[in-house]
C-alpha cells in the first residue's frame, strides 16, 4: 500500500532540494552535488529536522528527514536568516531555520504523494526517532559547501 502512496525517486528528491536551496539559501548560485559520498560518512555532531505527512483515512504516512552536522546547520541558518558569517547561531534560530528547511522540502515531497496528506510541524533534534529498516523508502546524500546533507524518506505505518 505504501509503495502506491509514495513513488518518489532520488532524482526527484535532488530536484526538490536543489529548488529549495536555490529559493531559500543560495539564490541559485550554488549547486548541490549528489553521489559524492559512498558510503555516507557518519556525522560527528548530528542534527536532524523532520516533518511527517499523514494520510489519516489510510492509516499511513511518510516522514521526510533532513540530516547534517551542527556546523552545516549553523551555516544554513545564517544563510536563511541573512546573518553575518561570524554571528553566533542561537538554539531558537537554529530550530526555526533548520526546521523550516525540512518543512519546505517535506512540503514539496507531500505534493508528490498519490493521496492528500496533512503535513506536521517540523521537529529538530540531535537525531530523528529510529524507524525499522523495512520502513526505509529512499535517501540521497548531498554535498553543500563541503558539508554532508542527507534527505531521507521513511514510511509511517
N, C-alpha and C. Protein backbone atom coordinates (compact mmCIF):
# COMPACT_ATOMS: atom_id res chain seq x y z
N UNK A 1 0.81 -1.20 0.00
CA UNK A 1 0.00 0.00 0.00
C UNK A 1 0.86 1.27 0.00
N UNK A 2 1.93 1.28 0.82
CA UNK A 2 2.76 2.48 0.90
C UNK A 2 3.48 2.74 -0.41
N UNK A 3 3.83 1.68 -1.16
CA UNK A 3 4.51 1.88 -2.43
C UNK A 3 3.64 2.65 -3.41
N UNK A 4 2.32 2.45 -3.35
CA UNK A 4 1.42 3.19 -4.23
C UNK A 4 1.28 4.64 -3.78
N UNK A 5 1.43 4.87 -2.49
CA UNK A 5 1.31 6.23 -1.95
C UNK A 5 2.56 7.05 -2.26
N UNK A 6 3.72 6.42 -2.14
CA UNK A 6 4.99 7.13 -2.28
C UNK A 6 5.83 6.47 -3.35
N UNK A 7 5.92 7.11 -4.47
CA UNK A 7 6.83 6.67 -5.52
C UNK A 7 7.71 7.86 -5.86
N UNK A 8 8.62 8.18 -4.95
CA UNK A 8 9.49 9.34 -5.10
C UNK A 8 10.90 8.84 -5.39
N UNK A 9 11.43 9.22 -6.53
CA UNK A 9 12.77 8.80 -6.94
C UNK A 9 13.83 9.72 -6.34
N UNK A 10 15.05 9.21 -6.26
CA UNK A 10 16.16 10.01 -5.74
C UNK A 10 16.32 11.30 -6.55
N UNK A 11 16.12 11.22 -7.85
CA UNK A 11 16.26 12.40 -8.70
C UNK A 11 15.23 13.46 -8.33
N UNK A 12 14.04 13.02 -7.93
CA UNK A 12 13.01 13.98 -7.50
C UNK A 12 13.40 14.64 -6.18
N UNK A 13 13.98 13.87 -5.26
CA UNK A 13 14.44 14.45 -4.01
C UNK A 13 15.55 15.47 -4.29
N UNK A 14 16.46 15.12 -5.20
CA UNK A 14 17.54 16.04 -5.58
C UNK A 14 16.96 17.33 -6.16
N UNK A 15 16.03 17.21 -7.09
CA UNK A 15 15.43 18.39 -7.71
C UNK A 15 14.72 19.25 -6.68
N UNK A 16 13.95 18.63 -5.80
CA UNK A 16 13.25 19.38 -4.75
C UNK A 16 14.26 20.13 -3.88
N UNK A 17 15.30 19.42 -3.43
CA UNK A 17 16.28 20.04 -2.54
C UNK A 17 17.04 21.15 -3.25
N UNK A 18 17.41 20.93 -4.50
CA UNK A 18 18.08 21.99 -5.28
C UNK A 18 17.19 23.22 -5.40
N UNK A 19 15.91 23.01 -5.69
CA UNK A 19 14.98 24.13 -5.82
C UNK A 19 14.82 24.88 -4.50
N UNK A 20 14.72 24.15 -3.40
CA UNK A 20 14.58 24.77 -2.08
C UNK A 20 15.83 25.58 -1.75
N UNK A 21 17.01 25.02 -2.00
CA UNK A 21 18.24 25.74 -1.72
C UNK A 21 18.37 26.97 -2.61
N UNK A 22 18.00 26.85 -3.88
CA UNK A 22 18.07 28.00 -4.78
C UNK A 22 17.15 29.12 -4.32
N UNK A 23 15.98 28.77 -3.84
CA UNK A 23 15.00 29.78 -3.42
C UNK A 23 15.30 30.35 -2.04
N UNK A 24 15.78 29.52 -1.12
CA UNK A 24 15.88 29.94 0.28
C UNK A 24 17.30 30.20 0.77
N UNK A 25 18.28 29.54 0.20
CA UNK A 25 19.63 29.57 0.77
C UNK A 25 20.63 30.27 -0.15
N UNK A 26 20.81 29.75 -1.34
CA UNK A 26 21.90 30.18 -2.19
C UNK A 26 21.51 31.10 -3.33
N UNK A 27 20.25 31.38 -3.50
CA UNK A 27 19.83 32.24 -4.59
C UNK A 27 20.16 31.68 -5.96
N UNK A 28 20.29 30.38 -6.07
CA UNK A 28 20.55 29.75 -7.36
C UNK A 28 22.01 29.77 -7.77
N UNK A 29 22.88 30.28 -6.91
CA UNK A 29 24.28 30.42 -7.28
C UNK A 29 25.14 29.19 -7.04
N UNK A 30 24.69 28.28 -6.20
CA UNK A 30 25.50 27.11 -5.87
C UNK A 30 24.77 25.84 -6.29
N UNK A 31 25.53 24.78 -6.39
CA UNK A 31 24.98 23.50 -6.82
C UNK A 31 25.14 22.49 -5.69
N UNK A 32 24.10 21.73 -5.44
CA UNK A 32 24.20 20.59 -4.54
C UNK A 32 24.71 19.42 -5.36
N UNK A 33 25.70 18.73 -4.84
CA UNK A 33 26.31 17.62 -5.58
C UNK A 33 25.87 16.32 -4.93
N UNK A 34 25.33 15.42 -5.74
CA UNK A 34 24.95 14.11 -5.22
C UNK A 34 25.99 13.08 -5.65
N UNK A 35 25.88 11.90 -5.10
CA UNK A 35 26.74 10.77 -5.45
C UNK A 35 28.21 10.98 -5.09
N UNK A 36 28.51 11.90 -4.21
CA UNK A 36 29.90 12.13 -3.84
C UNK A 36 30.33 11.24 -2.67
N UNK A 37 29.38 10.75 -1.93
CA UNK A 37 29.70 10.03 -0.70
C UNK A 37 29.29 8.56 -0.81
N UNK A 38 30.25 7.69 -0.82
CA UNK A 38 29.99 6.25 -0.80
C UNK A 38 31.00 5.60 0.10
N UNK A 39 30.71 5.19 1.27
CA UNK A 39 29.43 5.39 1.96
C UNK A 39 29.36 6.79 2.56
N UNK A 40 28.18 7.14 3.00
CA UNK A 40 27.97 8.45 3.63
C UNK A 40 28.69 8.45 4.97
N UNK A 41 29.55 9.45 5.20
CA UNK A 41 30.26 9.48 6.48
C UNK A 41 29.31 9.71 7.66
N UNK A 42 29.61 9.07 8.77
CA UNK A 42 28.80 9.25 9.98
C UNK A 42 29.02 10.66 10.53
N UNK A 43 27.95 11.35 10.89
CA UNK A 43 28.11 12.71 11.40
C UNK A 43 28.74 12.72 12.80
N UNK A 44 29.59 13.71 13.05
CA UNK A 44 30.23 13.86 14.35
C UNK A 44 29.31 14.60 15.31
N UNK A 45 28.71 15.67 14.83
CA UNK A 45 27.75 16.46 15.61
C UNK A 45 26.41 16.45 14.86
N UNK A 46 25.68 15.33 14.88
CA UNK A 46 24.48 15.22 14.04
C UNK A 46 23.37 16.17 14.47
N UNK A 47 22.61 16.59 13.48
CA UNK A 47 21.40 17.36 13.72
C UNK A 47 20.39 16.95 12.65
N UNK A 48 19.18 16.68 13.07
CA UNK A 48 18.12 16.25 12.15
C UNK A 48 16.90 17.13 12.31
N UNK A 49 16.21 17.32 11.21
CA UNK A 49 14.91 18.00 11.22
C UNK A 49 13.98 17.15 10.36
N UNK A 50 12.73 17.04 10.80
CA UNK A 50 11.81 16.19 10.04
C UNK A 50 10.38 16.70 10.14
N UNK A 51 9.62 16.28 9.13
CA UNK A 51 8.18 16.52 9.10
C UNK A 51 7.51 15.21 8.69
N UNK A 52 6.30 15.03 9.18
CA UNK A 52 5.51 13.85 8.83
C UNK A 52 4.34 14.26 7.95
N UNK A 53 4.05 13.42 6.97
CA UNK A 53 2.88 13.59 6.12
C UNK A 53 1.97 12.41 6.40
N UNK A 54 0.76 12.68 6.84
CA UNK A 54 -0.14 11.62 7.27
C UNK A 54 -1.39 11.58 6.40
N UNK A 55 -1.73 10.38 5.94
CA UNK A 55 -2.99 10.14 5.23
C UNK A 55 -3.86 9.37 6.21
N UNK A 56 -4.66 10.09 6.98
CA UNK A 56 -5.41 9.51 8.10
C UNK A 56 -6.33 8.37 7.67
N UNK A 57 -7.04 8.54 6.55
CA UNK A 57 -8.00 7.51 6.15
C UNK A 57 -7.33 6.20 5.74
N UNK A 58 -6.05 6.25 5.42
CA UNK A 58 -5.31 5.03 5.07
C UNK A 58 -4.48 4.51 6.24
N UNK A 59 -4.35 5.33 7.28
CA UNK A 59 -3.50 4.94 8.40
C UNK A 59 -2.03 4.86 8.03
N UNK A 60 -1.63 5.64 7.05
CA UNK A 60 -0.26 5.62 6.54
C UNK A 60 0.33 7.02 6.57
N UNK A 61 1.62 7.07 6.45
CA UNK A 61 2.28 8.36 6.36
C UNK A 61 3.70 8.21 5.87
N UNK A 62 4.34 9.35 5.69
CA UNK A 62 5.72 9.41 5.23
C UNK A 62 6.44 10.45 6.08
N UNK A 63 7.66 10.14 6.48
CA UNK A 63 8.49 11.10 7.20
C UNK A 63 9.63 11.53 6.28
N UNK A 64 9.82 12.83 6.16
CA UNK A 64 10.98 13.38 5.46
C UNK A 64 11.95 13.87 6.51
N UNK A 65 13.18 13.36 6.47
CA UNK A 65 14.22 13.75 7.42
C UNK A 65 15.35 14.42 6.66
N UNK A 66 15.79 15.58 7.16
CA UNK A 66 16.98 16.25 6.65
C UNK A 66 18.01 16.16 7.76
N UNK A 67 19.18 15.57 7.44
CA UNK A 67 20.21 15.37 8.46
C UNK A 67 21.53 15.97 8.00
N UNK A 68 22.21 16.62 8.92
CA UNK A 68 23.54 17.15 8.64
C UNK A 68 24.29 17.24 9.96
N UNK A 69 25.38 17.99 9.98
CA UNK A 69 26.11 18.23 11.21
C UNK A 69 25.84 19.65 11.69
N UNK A 70 26.05 19.88 12.97
CA UNK A 70 25.75 21.18 13.57
C UNK A 70 26.44 22.34 12.84
N UNK A 71 27.74 22.26 12.48
CA UNK A 71 28.34 23.39 11.76
C UNK A 71 27.63 23.71 10.44
N UNK A 72 27.19 22.69 9.72
CA UNK A 72 26.45 22.92 8.48
C UNK A 72 25.10 23.55 8.77
N UNK A 73 24.42 23.07 9.82
CA UNK A 73 23.12 23.64 10.19
C UNK A 73 23.27 25.09 10.61
N UNK A 74 24.36 25.41 11.30
CA UNK A 74 24.63 26.81 11.66
C UNK A 74 24.80 27.66 10.40
N UNK A 75 25.56 27.14 9.44
CA UNK A 75 25.79 27.88 8.19
C UNK A 75 24.48 28.04 7.41
N UNK A 76 23.67 27.00 7.37
CA UNK A 76 22.36 27.08 6.72
C UNK A 76 21.48 28.12 7.41
N UNK A 77 21.51 28.14 8.73
CA UNK A 77 20.72 29.11 9.49
C UNK A 77 21.15 30.53 9.17
N UNK A 78 22.46 30.77 9.16
CA UNK A 78 22.97 32.11 8.83
C UNK A 78 22.52 32.52 7.43
N UNK A 79 22.60 31.61 6.48
CA UNK A 79 22.21 31.93 5.11
C UNK A 79 20.71 32.22 5.02
N UNK A 80 19.91 31.38 5.66
CA UNK A 80 18.45 31.55 5.59
C UNK A 80 17.99 32.82 6.29
N UNK A 81 18.62 33.13 7.43
CA UNK A 81 18.21 34.31 8.20
C UNK A 81 19.03 35.55 7.84
N UNK A 82 19.88 35.42 6.82
CA UNK A 82 20.72 36.52 6.34
C UNK A 82 21.54 37.12 7.47
N UNK A 83 22.17 36.25 8.24
CA UNK A 83 23.02 36.66 9.34
C UNK A 83 24.45 36.81 8.84
N UNK A 84 25.24 37.58 9.57
CA UNK A 84 26.66 37.72 9.28
C UNK A 84 27.36 36.38 9.52
N UNK A 85 28.38 36.09 8.73
CA UNK A 85 29.07 34.80 8.83
C UNK A 85 29.69 34.56 10.21
N UNK A 86 30.01 35.61 10.92
CA UNK A 86 30.63 35.45 12.24
C UNK A 86 29.61 35.49 13.38
N UNK A 87 28.36 35.77 13.05
CA UNK A 87 27.33 35.89 14.09
C UNK A 87 27.01 34.52 14.69
N UNK A 88 27.00 34.42 16.03
CA UNK A 88 26.65 33.13 16.64
C UNK A 88 25.19 32.77 16.38
N UNK A 89 24.95 31.48 16.23
CA UNK A 89 23.60 30.99 15.96
C UNK A 89 23.02 30.45 17.27
N UNK A 90 21.90 31.04 17.69
CA UNK A 90 21.22 30.58 18.90
C UNK A 90 20.36 29.37 18.61
N UNK A 91 20.00 28.66 19.67
CA UNK A 91 19.21 27.44 19.53
C UNK A 91 17.85 27.71 18.88
N UNK A 92 17.22 28.82 19.24
CA UNK A 92 15.90 29.14 18.68
C UNK A 92 15.98 29.42 17.18
N UNK A 93 16.98 30.21 16.77
CA UNK A 93 17.16 30.48 15.35
C UNK A 93 17.47 29.20 14.58
N UNK A 94 18.31 28.36 15.17
CA UNK A 94 18.67 27.09 14.54
C UNK A 94 17.43 26.22 14.33
N UNK A 95 16.63 26.08 15.37
CA UNK A 95 15.42 25.25 15.27
C UNK A 95 14.45 25.83 14.24
N UNK A 96 14.29 27.15 14.23
CA UNK A 96 13.39 27.79 13.27
C UNK A 96 13.86 27.59 11.83
N UNK A 97 15.13 27.88 11.58
CA UNK A 97 15.64 27.85 10.21
C UNK A 97 15.80 26.42 9.69
N UNK A 98 16.43 25.55 10.47
CA UNK A 98 16.64 24.18 10.01
C UNK A 98 15.32 23.43 9.92
N UNK A 99 14.42 23.72 10.86
CA UNK A 99 13.08 23.14 10.80
C UNK A 99 12.31 23.60 9.57
N UNK A 100 12.46 24.88 9.23
CA UNK A 100 11.77 25.41 8.04
C UNK A 100 12.31 24.76 6.77
N UNK A 101 13.60 24.51 6.73
CA UNK A 101 14.19 23.83 5.58
C UNK A 101 13.56 22.45 5.40
N UNK A 102 13.46 21.69 6.48
CA UNK A 102 12.82 20.37 6.41
C UNK A 102 11.34 20.49 6.05
N UNK A 103 10.69 21.53 6.56
CA UNK A 103 9.28 21.76 6.28
C UNK A 103 9.04 22.01 4.79
N UNK A 104 9.88 22.81 4.17
CA UNK A 104 9.69 23.12 2.75
C UNK A 104 10.06 21.92 1.87
N UNK A 105 11.14 21.22 2.21
CA UNK A 105 11.47 20.01 1.46
C UNK A 105 10.33 19.00 1.61
N UNK A 106 9.88 18.77 2.84
CA UNK A 106 8.78 17.83 3.08
C UNK A 106 7.49 18.24 2.40
N UNK A 107 7.20 19.53 2.39
CA UNK A 107 6.00 20.01 1.71
C UNK A 107 6.03 19.74 0.22
N UNK A 108 7.21 19.84 -0.37
CA UNK A 108 7.35 19.52 -1.79
C UNK A 108 7.23 18.02 -2.03
N UNK A 109 7.76 17.21 -1.13
CA UNK A 109 7.58 15.76 -1.23
C UNK A 109 6.10 15.43 -1.12
N UNK A 110 5.40 16.09 -0.20
CA UNK A 110 3.96 15.87 0.01
C UNK A 110 3.20 16.04 -1.30
N UNK A 111 3.62 17.00 -2.11
CA UNK A 111 2.92 17.25 -3.38
C UNK A 111 3.07 16.08 -4.36
N UNK A 112 4.03 15.19 -4.11
CA UNK A 112 4.23 14.03 -4.98
C UNK A 112 3.47 12.79 -4.52
N UNK A 113 2.89 12.84 -3.32
CA UNK A 113 2.14 11.69 -2.82
C UNK A 113 0.88 11.48 -3.64
N UNK A 114 0.44 10.25 -3.74
CA UNK A 114 -0.73 9.94 -4.56
C UNK A 114 -2.05 10.15 -3.83
N UNK A 115 -2.00 10.55 -2.55
CA UNK A 115 -3.21 10.82 -1.78
C UNK A 115 -2.98 12.09 -0.96
N UNK A 116 -4.05 12.86 -0.71
CA UNK A 116 -3.89 14.06 0.11
C UNK A 116 -3.39 13.71 1.51
N UNK A 117 -2.46 14.50 2.01
CA UNK A 117 -1.87 14.24 3.32
C UNK A 117 -1.79 15.53 4.11
N UNK A 118 -1.72 15.38 5.43
CA UNK A 118 -1.56 16.52 6.34
C UNK A 118 -0.10 16.57 6.75
N UNK A 119 0.50 17.76 6.65
CA UNK A 119 1.90 17.96 6.99
C UNK A 119 2.03 18.42 8.43
N UNK A 120 2.89 17.76 9.19
CA UNK A 120 3.11 18.15 10.59
C UNK A 120 4.01 19.38 10.67
N UNK A 121 4.08 19.95 11.85
CA UNK A 121 5.08 20.98 12.11
C UNK A 121 6.44 20.31 12.17
N UNK A 122 7.51 21.02 11.83
CA UNK A 122 8.83 20.40 11.87
C UNK A 122 9.33 20.18 13.29
N UNK A 123 10.14 19.16 13.44
CA UNK A 123 10.82 18.86 14.70
C UNK A 123 12.31 18.86 14.42
N UNK A 124 13.08 19.43 15.34
CA UNK A 124 14.54 19.47 15.21
C UNK A 124 15.13 18.85 16.47
N UNK A 125 16.06 17.92 16.28
CA UNK A 125 16.73 17.26 17.40
C UNK A 125 18.06 16.70 16.92
N UNK A 126 18.85 16.23 17.87
CA UNK A 126 20.14 15.67 17.52
C UNK A 126 19.98 14.51 16.53
N UNK A 127 18.95 13.71 16.71
CA UNK A 127 18.68 12.63 15.75
C UNK A 127 17.18 12.39 15.68
N UNK A 128 16.76 11.93 14.54
CA UNK A 128 15.35 11.59 14.36
C UNK A 128 15.07 10.27 15.06
N UNK A 129 13.82 10.03 15.44
CA UNK A 129 13.50 8.74 16.07
C UNK A 129 13.85 7.58 15.14
N UNK A 130 14.38 6.53 15.73
CA UNK A 130 14.73 5.34 14.94
C UNK A 130 13.47 4.69 14.38
N UNK A 131 13.56 4.29 13.13
CA UNK A 131 12.48 3.55 12.48
C UNK A 131 13.05 2.23 11.98
N UNK A 132 12.22 1.18 11.94
CA UNK A 132 12.72 -0.11 11.44
C UNK A 132 13.19 0.01 9.99
N UNK A 133 14.25 -0.71 9.67
CA UNK A 133 14.85 -0.65 8.34
C UNK A 133 13.84 -0.91 7.23
N UNK A 134 12.85 -1.76 7.47
CA UNK A 134 11.87 -2.07 6.43
C UNK A 134 10.98 -0.87 6.10
N UNK A 135 11.02 0.16 6.92
CA UNK A 135 10.23 1.36 6.65
C UNK A 135 11.00 2.37 5.80
N UNK A 136 12.27 2.09 5.52
CA UNK A 136 13.07 2.98 4.69
C UNK A 136 12.53 2.97 3.26
N UNK A 137 12.40 4.17 2.68
CA UNK A 137 11.90 4.29 1.31
C UNK A 137 12.98 4.76 0.34
N UNK A 138 13.67 5.85 0.70
CA UNK A 138 14.58 6.47 -0.26
C UNK A 138 15.46 7.46 0.48
N UNK A 139 16.69 7.67 -0.03
CA UNK A 139 17.51 8.76 0.50
C UNK A 139 18.47 9.24 -0.56
N UNK A 140 19.06 10.37 -0.29
CA UNK A 140 20.10 10.91 -1.15
C UNK A 140 21.04 11.73 -0.28
N UNK A 141 22.33 11.50 -0.48
CA UNK A 141 23.36 12.27 0.23
C UNK A 141 23.86 13.36 -0.70
N UNK A 142 23.94 14.56 -0.18
CA UNK A 142 24.33 15.72 -0.98
C UNK A 142 25.51 16.43 -0.34
N UNK A 143 26.28 17.09 -1.17
CA UNK A 143 27.40 17.91 -0.71
C UNK A 143 27.00 19.37 -0.91
N UNK A 144 26.95 20.11 0.19
CA UNK A 144 26.68 21.55 0.14
C UNK A 144 27.83 22.26 0.84
N UNK A 145 28.62 22.98 0.06
CA UNK A 145 29.76 23.73 0.60
C UNK A 145 30.69 22.85 1.43
N UNK A 146 30.86 21.61 0.99
CA UNK A 146 31.74 20.69 1.70
C UNK A 146 31.09 19.98 2.87
N UNK A 147 29.83 20.23 3.12
CA UNK A 147 29.09 19.57 4.20
C UNK A 147 28.20 18.47 3.63
N UNK A 148 28.04 17.40 4.39
CA UNK A 148 27.14 16.32 4.00
C UNK A 148 25.73 16.66 4.48
N UNK A 149 24.78 16.55 3.57
CA UNK A 149 23.37 16.76 3.86
C UNK A 149 22.63 15.54 3.31
N UNK A 150 21.89 14.85 4.17
CA UNK A 150 21.16 13.65 3.74
C UNK A 150 19.67 13.91 3.87
N UNK A 151 18.94 13.68 2.79
CA UNK A 151 17.48 13.76 2.81
C UNK A 151 16.97 12.34 2.65
N UNK A 152 16.13 11.90 3.59
CA UNK A 152 15.61 10.54 3.53
C UNK A 152 14.10 10.52 3.73
N UNK A 153 13.48 9.50 3.16
CA UNK A 153 12.04 9.29 3.28
C UNK A 153 11.81 7.94 3.95
N UNK A 154 10.86 7.92 4.89
CA UNK A 154 10.52 6.72 5.64
C UNK A 154 9.01 6.57 5.68
N UNK A 155 8.54 5.34 5.63
CA UNK A 155 7.10 5.11 5.76
C UNK A 155 6.73 5.09 7.24
N UNK A 156 5.55 5.59 7.52
CA UNK A 156 4.98 5.57 8.87
C UNK A 156 3.74 4.71 8.81
N UNK A 157 3.77 3.56 9.44
CA UNK A 157 2.61 2.65 9.41
C UNK A 157 2.18 2.30 10.81
